[in-house]
Amino acid sequence: MGIKLESQGNPETLYVKSVYKACEILQFRALRPWYWIDTIFNL
């Protein structure tokens, strides 16, 4: 919305790394049913 991230030209930006890490965390939790309970996940 008016801000240039240049994420396609430079995949090492903080934004790209943050999105990648968030996807890793979501995938980790989605594939392990015992982490679906917030109390266990937050340990």
N, C-alpha and C. Protein backbone atom coordinates (compact mmCIF):
# COMPACT_ATOMS: atom_id res chain seq x y z
N MET A 1 0.82 -1.18 0.00
CA MET A 1 0.00 0.00 0.00
C MET A 1 0.88 1.25 0.00
N GLY A 2 1.77 1.32 -0.95
CA GLY A 2 2.61 2.50 -1.05
C GLY A 2 4.01 2.29 -0.51
N ILE A 3 4.31 1.10 0.02
CA ILE A 3 5.64 0.82 0.57
C ILE A 3 6.31 -0.22 -0.32
N LYS A 4 7.53 0.08 -0.78
CA LYS A 4 8.27 -0.87 -1.60
C LYS A 4 9.07 -1.81 -0.70
N LEU A 5 8.79 -3.10 -0.83
CA LEU A 5 9.52 -4.09 -0.04
C LEU A 5 10.66 -4.71 -0.84
N GLU A 6 10.53 -4.72 -2.16
CA GLU A 6 11.52 -5.33 -3.05
C GLU A 6 11.85 -6.76 -2.60
N SER A 7 10.83 -7.50 -2.20
CA SER A 7 11.04 -8.84 -1.69
C SER A 7 11.36 -9.84 -2.79
N GLN A 8 10.91 -9.59 -4.01
CA GLN A 8 11.25 -10.50 -5.09
C GLN A 8 12.68 -10.30 -5.56
N GLY A 9 13.16 -9.09 -5.52
CA GLY A 9 14.53 -8.81 -5.95
C GLY A 9 15.56 -9.15 -4.89
N ASN A 10 15.14 -9.15 -3.64
CA ASN A 10 16.06 -9.43 -2.54
C ASN A 10 15.37 -10.34 -1.52
N PRO A 11 15.52 -11.66 -1.67
CA PRO A 11 14.84 -12.59 -0.76
C PRO A 11 15.42 -12.62 0.65
N GLU A 12 16.44 -11.83 0.92
CA GLU A 12 17.06 -11.80 2.25
C GLU A 12 16.50 -10.68 3.13
N THR A 13 15.41 -10.05 2.72
CA THR A 13 14.85 -8.97 3.53
C THR A 13 14.22 -9.53 4.80
N LEU A 14 14.10 -8.69 5.79
CA LEU A 14 13.52 -9.10 7.06
C LEU A 14 12.09 -9.58 6.89
N TYR A 15 11.33 -8.93 6.01
CA TYR A 15 9.94 -9.32 5.77
C TYR A 15 9.85 -10.75 5.23
N VAL A 16 10.66 -11.07 4.23
CA VAL A 16 10.63 -12.41 3.63
C VAL A 16 11.05 -13.45 4.66
N LYS A 17 12.08 -13.17 5.43
CA LYS A 17 12.53 -14.11 6.45
C LYS A 17 11.46 -14.33 7.52
N SER A 18 10.75 -13.26 7.88
CA SER A 18 9.71 -13.35 8.90
C SER A 18 8.52 -14.18 8.42
N VAL A 19 8.13 -13.98 7.17
CA VAL A 19 7.02 -14.76 6.61
C VAL A 19 7.42 -16.23 6.53
N TYR A 20 8.63 -16.51 6.11
CA TYR A 20 9.12 -17.89 6.03
C TYR A 20 9.11 -18.55 7.40
N LYS A 21 9.58 -17.85 8.43
CA LYS A 21 9.61 -18.40 9.79
C LYS A 21 8.19 -18.65 10.31
N ALA A 22 7.27 -17.73 10.03
CA ALA A 22 5.88 -17.90 10.46
C ALA A 22 5.27 -19.14 9.81
N CYS A 23 5.58 -19.37 8.54
CA CYS A 23 5.08 -20.57 7.85
C CYS A 23 5.67 -21.84 8.45
N GLU A 24 6.93 -21.81 8.82
CA GLU A 24 7.56 -22.96 9.48
C GLU A 24 6.86 -23.30 10.79
N ILE A 25 6.57 -22.28 11.60
CA ILE A 25 5.92 -22.49 12.89
C ILE A 25 4.51 -23.05 12.69
N LEU A 26 3.77 -22.49 11.74
CA LEU A 26 2.41 -22.97 11.49
C LEU A 26 2.41 -24.41 11.00
N GLN A 27 3.35 -24.75 10.12
CA GLN A 27 3.44 -26.11 9.63
C GLN A 27 3.84 -27.07 10.75
N PHE A 28 4.76 -26.67 11.59
CA PHE A 28 5.20 -27.49 12.72
C PHE A 28 4.01 -27.83 13.61
N ARG A 29 3.21 -26.82 13.93
CA ARG A 29 2.07 -27.03 14.83
C ARG A 29 0.95 -27.81 14.15
N ALA A 30 0.71 -27.58 12.88
CA ALA A 30 -0.38 -28.24 12.16
C ALA A 30 -0.14 -29.74 12.02
N LEU A 31 1.12 -30.14 11.92
CA LEU A 31 1.44 -31.55 11.71
C LEU A 31 1.60 -32.35 13.00
N ARG A 32 1.48 -31.70 14.14
CA ARG A 32 1.62 -32.37 15.43
C ARG A 32 0.38 -32.10 16.28
N PRO A 33 -0.57 -33.06 16.30
CA PRO A 33 -1.84 -32.83 17.00
C PRO A 33 -1.68 -32.52 18.49
N TRP A 34 -0.63 -33.01 19.12
CA TRP A 34 -0.46 -32.75 20.54
C TRP A 34 -0.13 -31.28 20.82
N TYR A 35 0.27 -30.54 19.80
CA TYR A 35 0.52 -29.10 19.95
C TYR A 35 -0.72 -28.25 19.66
N TRP A 36 -1.84 -28.90 19.30
CA TRP A 36 -3.06 -28.15 19.03
C TRP A 36 -3.63 -27.56 20.31
N ILE A 37 -3.29 -28.13 21.46
CA ILE A 37 -3.74 -27.61 22.75
C ILE A 37 -2.79 -26.48 23.13
N ASP A 38 -3.32 -25.28 23.31
CA ASP A 38 -2.49 -24.10 23.57
C ASP A 38 -1.62 -24.24 24.81
N THR A 39 -2.11 -24.89 25.84
CA THR A 39 -1.34 -25.04 27.08
C THR A 39 -0.05 -25.82 26.83
N ILE A 40 -0.13 -26.88 26.05
CA ILE A 40 1.05 -27.69 25.75
C ILE A 40 1.98 -26.92 24.81
N PHE A 41 1.42 -26.25 23.80
CA PHE A 41 2.24 -25.52 22.82
C PHE A 41 3.04 -24.41 23.49
N ASN A 42 2.48 -23.78 24.51
CA ASN A 42 3.14 -22.65 25.16
C ASN A 42 4.20 -23.07 26.19
N LEU A 43 4.38 -24.35 26.43
CA LEU A 43 5.39 -24.80 27.40
C LEU A 43 6.79 -24.51 26.93
